[in-house]
Amino acid sequence: MNCKNCKNPVSQNFCGHCGQKSNVKRINLPSFLEELSESILQVNKGFFYTVKMLFINPGDSIKAFLNGKRKPHFKPIVYTLTLSTVYYILSKLLDGNTWMNSFIESFSNGVKSSGVDDKLLYLFTWLSGNFAYATLISIPIFSLASYLLFIKYKYNYLEHIVINAYIIGQQAILYSLFLFITPFINNPFIESLPFFVCIGYNFWVYWQIFNTGNRLLNVLRTAMVYCLNFILFIIMSFILAFVIIILIKITKTV
């Protein structure tokens, strides 16, 4: 058997050349939970390698991770959580506003103007003040949309979570860089540029990962991922808000 990371022959539990586990399998629920626990408990030295590769050749880098080349990569969920936290801290230090806060505030204002019960705003207020958790919540929703629209490519749902976790983590770097630029330029186009750059990055990664079949149709699928994600976000938000209202009523009656 050859190591999936360095291709050297391996006969034991770990590769003698690079140190990666020899029994690396396709990502499923048990392996996903194992990767998550290991990334929380260990400091992976592949952080800057991952940052570099996700800028240079993101599609091939992510596919290499999915195919078993795990040793040099920083784990996806912790990668996203780390960079999202850095982005959130920078936005506070530089008196900026995160993209998610802007979206949630706009959405909340729309809910207020529609005359919906104020209790429904509790969820959006919480999301606005807890960026890292809001980011983690957004990943499975966005991944469900990408999984449904790119289902023909045979990546399972958890593999889509890995794909989108890396993308969102890298987008956090891009948003962080723009935090240092936009305050000094009073131009509506420049202020909206980070949003379009980060969406463009997502299109680029999907273009590299889903690189077979009708390429123009895949571009359309990528655009539809955002539309479906928005619909799913609204549905999930109202379901969670309804659950919160029920819980509040139950606690009041106890």
Protein backbone atom coordinates (compact mmCIF):
# COMPACT_ATOMS: atom_id res chain seq x y z
CA MET A 1 0.00 0.00 0.00
CA ASN A 2 1.22 3.50 -0.83
CA CYS A 3 0.78 6.60 1.32
CA LYS A 4 -1.93 8.89 -0.09
CA ASN A 5 0.11 11.94 0.88
CA CYS A 6 3.64 11.23 -0.39
CA LYS A 7 3.05 8.01 -2.43
CA ASN A 8 5.82 6.13 -0.58
CA PRO A 9 5.25 2.45 0.30
CA VAL A 10 3.83 2.00 3.81
CA SER A 11 3.15 -1.16 5.79
CA GLN A 12 2.40 0.23 9.26
CA ASN A 13 -0.17 2.59 10.78
CA PHE A 14 1.83 5.69 9.85
CA CYS A 15 3.97 6.54 6.84
CA GLY A 16 7.67 6.41 7.74
CA HIS A 17 8.41 9.22 5.25
CA CYS A 18 5.81 11.93 5.93
CA GLY A 19 4.05 10.68 9.09
CA GLN A 20 0.50 10.60 7.74
CA LYS A 21 -1.84 7.82 8.80
CA SER A 22 -1.86 4.91 6.39
CA ASN A 23 -5.61 4.20 6.67
CA VAL A 24 -6.86 7.53 5.33
CA LYS A 25 -10.32 6.98 3.85
CA ARG A 26 -12.92 9.00 2.02
CA ILE A 27 -14.57 11.57 4.25
CA ASN A 28 -17.67 10.17 5.97
CA LEU A 29 -19.30 10.92 9.32
CA PRO A 30 -16.87 8.89 11.52
CA SER A 31 -13.78 10.21 9.73
CA PHE A 32 -15.18 13.75 9.71
CA LEU A 33 -15.74 13.69 13.48
CA GLU A 34 -12.25 12.21 13.99
CA GLU A 35 -10.67 14.95 11.86
CA LEU A 36 -12.64 17.58 13.80
CA SER A 37 -11.57 16.28 17.20
CA GLU A 38 -7.93 16.03 16.13
CA SER A 39 -7.90 19.56 14.71
CA ILE A 40 -9.35 20.96 17.95
CA LEU A 41 -6.84 19.15 20.16
CA GLN A 42 -3.75 19.60 18.02
CA VAL A 43 -1.93 22.53 16.45
CA ASN A 44 -1.35 21.71 12.80
CA LYS A 45 1.81 23.11 11.20
CA GLY A 46 0.17 23.33 7.78
CA PHE A 47 -1.63 26.64 8.29
CA PHE A 48 0.54 28.84 6.05
CA TYR A 49 0.87 26.07 3.47
CA THR A 50 -2.91 25.89 3.30
CA VAL A 51 -3.23 29.68 2.98
CA LYS A 52 -0.70 29.70 0.14
CA MET A 53 -2.20 26.79 -1.77
CA LEU A 54 -5.75 28.10 -1.47
CA PHE A 55 -4.58 31.27 -3.19
CA ILE A 56 -2.36 29.64 -5.81
CA ASN A 57 -4.34 26.55 -6.82
CA PRO A 58 -7.37 26.13 -4.53
CA GLY A 59 -9.30 23.55 -6.53
CA ASP A 60 -6.46 21.05 -6.81
CA SER A 61 -5.44 21.67 -3.19
CA ILE A 62 -8.94 20.90 -1.88
CA LYS A 63 -9.29 17.86 -4.12
CA ALA A 64 -5.92 16.60 -2.87
CA PHE A 65 -7.22 16.86 0.69
CA LEU A 66 -10.42 15.01 -0.23
CA ASN A 67 -8.38 12.30 -1.98
CA GLY A 68 -6.32 11.62 1.12
CA LYS A 69 -3.40 14.06 1.05
CA ARG A 70 -4.20 15.40 4.53
CA LYS A 71 -0.81 15.79 6.24
CA PRO A 72 0.24 19.20 4.85
CA HIS A 73 -3.20 20.80 5.18
CA PHE A 74 -4.69 22.69 8.09
CA LYS A 75 -8.01 21.08 9.05
CA PRO A 76 -10.96 22.84 7.30
CA ILE A 77 -13.35 23.59 10.19
CA VAL A 78 -10.66 25.00 12.50
CA TYR A 79 -9.20 26.86 9.50
CA THR A 80 -12.51 28.64 8.96
CA LEU A 81 -13.10 29.26 12.67
CA THR A 82 -9.59 30.68 13.15
CA LEU A 83 -9.70 33.04 10.17
CA SER A 84 -13.30 34.11 10.83
CA THR A 85 -12.34 35.01 14.39
CA VAL A 86 -9.35 37.02 13.15
CA TYR A 87 -11.59 38.82 10.65
CA TYR A 88 -14.16 39.59 13.35
CA ILE A 89 -11.51 40.97 15.73
CA LEU A 90 -10.00 43.13 12.98
CA SER A 91 -13.43 44.48 12.05
CA LYS A 92 -13.94 45.58 15.66
CA LEU A 93 -10.47 47.10 15.98
CA LEU A 94 -10.84 49.00 12.70
CA ASP A 95 -14.45 50.05 13.40
CA GLY A 96 -15.65 48.12 10.40
CA ASN A 97 -18.60 45.81 9.88
CA THR A 98 -18.42 42.17 8.87
CA TRP A 99 -20.20 41.09 5.70
CA MET A 100 -22.47 38.83 7.72
CA ASN A 101 -23.41 41.60 10.14
CA SER A 102 -24.32 43.83 7.20
CA PHE A 103 -26.45 41.08 5.68
CA ILE A 104 -28.17 40.21 8.96
CA GLU A 105 -28.83 43.85 9.81
CA SER A 106 -30.40 44.45 6.39
CA PHE A 107 -32.47 41.28 6.71
CA SER A 108 -33.56 42.23 10.23
CA ASN A 109 -34.64 45.67 9.06
CA GLY A 110 -36.75 44.01 6.40
CA VAL A 111 -38.35 41.76 9.00
CA LYS A 112 -39.09 44.76 11.24
CA SER A 113 -40.73 46.69 8.43
CA SER A 114 -42.96 43.72 7.64
CA GLY A 115 -44.48 43.87 11.10
CA VAL A 116 -43.35 40.39 12.17
CA ASP A 117 -43.32 39.58 15.89
CA ASP A 118 -40.19 41.09 17.53
CA LYS A 119 -39.34 37.70 19.02
CA LEU A 120 -38.32 36.56 15.54
CA LEU A 121 -35.54 39.15 15.62
CA TYR A 122 -33.88 37.46 18.59
CA LEU A 123 -32.13 34.92 16.38
CA PHE A 124 -30.80 37.53 13.96
CA THR A 125 -29.56 39.71 16.81
CA TRP A 126 -27.71 36.74 18.27
CA LEU A 127 -26.16 35.83 14.91
CA SER A 128 -25.05 39.42 14.39
CA GLY A 129 -23.22 39.42 17.71
CA ASN A 130 -21.67 35.95 17.37
CA PHE A 131 -19.84 36.00 14.06
CA ALA A 132 -17.79 32.82 14.51
CA TYR A 133 -20.87 30.76 15.42
CA ALA A 134 -22.85 32.37 12.61
CA THR A 135 -20.10 31.37 10.18
CA LEU A 136 -20.16 27.77 11.39
CA ILE A 137 -23.95 27.73 11.02
CA SER A 138 -23.70 29.09 7.48
CA ILE A 139 -21.34 26.33 6.29
CA PRO A 140 -23.80 23.38 6.47
CA ILE A 141 -26.56 25.49 4.88
CA PHE A 142 -24.36 26.64 2.00
CA SER A 143 -22.97 23.12 1.64
CA LEU A 144 -26.46 21.67 1.35
CA ALA A 145 -27.10 24.06 -1.54
CA SER A 146 -23.84 23.16 -3.30
CA TYR A 147 -24.39 19.44 -2.66
CA LEU A 148 -27.86 19.53 -4.25
CA LEU A 149 -26.78 21.52 -7.29
CA PHE A 150 -23.51 19.62 -7.91
CA ILE A 151 -24.78 16.19 -6.87
CA LYS A 152 -23.74 14.68 -10.22
CA TYR A 153 -20.07 15.01 -9.20
CA LYS A 154 -20.48 12.34 -6.50
CA TYR A 155 -19.00 14.35 -3.63
CA ASN A 156 -20.94 13.55 -0.48
CA TYR A 157 -22.45 16.20 1.80
CA LEU A 158 -19.55 16.18 4.29
CA GLU A 159 -17.07 16.62 1.44
CA HIS A 160 -19.03 19.70 0.39
CA ILE A 161 -18.69 20.98 3.95
CA VAL A 162 -14.91 20.59 3.62
CA ILE A 163 -14.91 22.39 0.26
CA ASN A 164 -16.96 25.32 1.51
CA ALA A 165 -15.16 25.54 4.86
CA TYR A 166 -11.89 26.14 3.03
CA ILE A 167 -13.55 28.67 0.73
CA ILE A 168 -15.15 30.61 3.59
CA GLY A 169 -11.88 30.60 5.52
CA GLN A 170 -10.03 32.03 2.54
CA GLN A 171 -12.78 34.59 1.98
CA ALA A 172 -12.23 35.74 5.57
CA ILE A 173 -8.62 36.58 4.61
CA LEU A 174 -9.83 38.60 1.61
CA TYR A 175 -12.39 40.46 3.69
CA SER A 176 -9.70 41.16 6.32
CA LEU A 177 -7.39 42.68 3.71
CA PHE A 178 -10.13 44.98 2.46
CA LEU A 179 -10.75 46.21 6.02
CA PHE A 180 -7.47 48.11 5.72
CA ILE A 181 -8.44 49.71 2.39
CA THR A 182 -12.13 50.62 2.36
CA PRO A 183 -12.11 53.07 5.34
CA PHE A 184 -9.81 55.40 3.39
CA ILE A 185 -11.80 55.36 0.15
CA ASN A 186 -15.25 56.92 0.16
CA ASN A 187 -16.59 55.17 -2.90
CA PRO A 188 -19.67 52.91 -3.05
CA PHE A 189 -18.03 50.66 -5.64
CA ILE A 190 -14.91 50.14 -3.52
CA GLU A 191 -17.06 49.45 -0.46
CA SER A 192 -18.92 46.68 -2.31
CA LEU A 193 -15.77 45.34 -4.02
CA PRO A 194 -14.88 42.83 -1.23
CA PHE A 195 -18.27 41.15 -1.64
CA PHE A 196 -17.79 40.65 -5.38
CA VAL A 197 -14.14 39.58 -5.03
CA CYS A 198 -15.09 36.90 -2.51
CA ILE A 199 -17.95 35.63 -4.67
CA GLY A 200 -15.53 35.60 -7.61
CA TYR A 201 -13.13 33.51 -5.53
CA ASN A 202 -15.93 31.00 -4.88
CA PHE A 203 -16.68 30.80 -8.62
CA TRP A 204 -12.96 30.23 -9.31
CA VAL A 205 -12.69 27.39 -6.79
CA TYR A 206 -15.85 25.68 -8.07
CA TRP A 207 -14.55 26.11 -11.65
CA GLN A 208 -11.42 24.14 -10.69
CA ILE A 209 -13.13 21.47 -8.58
CA PHE A 210 -16.09 20.78 -10.87
CA ASN A 211 -13.99 20.85 -14.01
CA THR A 212 -15.82 18.32 -16.17
CA GLY A 213 -19.06 18.49 -18.10
CA ASN A 214 -20.65 21.71 -19.36
CA ARG A 215 -18.52 24.50 -17.86
CA LEU A 216 -21.05 27.26 -18.54
CA LEU A 217 -23.75 25.18 -16.87
CA ASN A 218 -21.47 24.82 -13.87
CA VAL A 219 -21.12 28.60 -13.68
CA LEU A 220 -24.91 28.82 -13.65
CA ARG A 221 -25.04 26.13 -10.95
CA THR A 222 -22.62 28.16 -8.84
CA ALA A 223 -24.84 31.23 -9.12
CA MET A 224 -27.85 29.09 -8.21
CA VAL A 225 -26.00 27.86 -5.10
CA TYR A 226 -26.17 31.41 -3.75
CA CYS A 227 -29.87 31.69 -4.57
CA LEU A 228 -30.70 28.34 -2.99
CA ASN A 229 -28.52 29.17 0.01
CA PHE A 230 -30.52 32.36 0.59
CA ILE A 231 -33.80 30.44 0.42
CA LEU A 232 -32.52 27.76 2.78
CA PHE A 233 -31.17 30.41 5.16
CA ILE A 234 -34.57 32.10 5.36
CA ILE A 235 -36.35 28.79 5.90
CA MET A 236 -33.90 27.66 8.59
CA SER A 237 -33.98 31.07 10.27
CA PHE A 238 -37.74 31.07 10.61
CA ILE A 239 -37.74 27.47 11.82
CA LEU A 240 -35.15 28.30 14.48
CA ALA A 241 -36.98 31.50 15.40
CA PHE A 242 -40.21 29.51 15.79
CA VAL A 243 -38.42 27.02 18.06
CA ILE A 244 -37.06 29.92 20.13
CA ILE A 245 -40.55 31.37 20.53
CA ILE A 246 -41.88 27.98 21.66
CA LEU A 247 -39.05 27.61 24.15
CA ILE A 248 -39.66 31.10 25.52
CA LYS A 249 -43.36 30.33 26.02
CA ILE A 250 -42.53 27.03 27.72
CA THR A 251 -40.09 28.68 30.13
CA LYS A 252 -42.68 31.33 31.02
CA THR A 253 -45.28 28.74 31.87
CA VAL A 254 -42.92 26.67 34.03
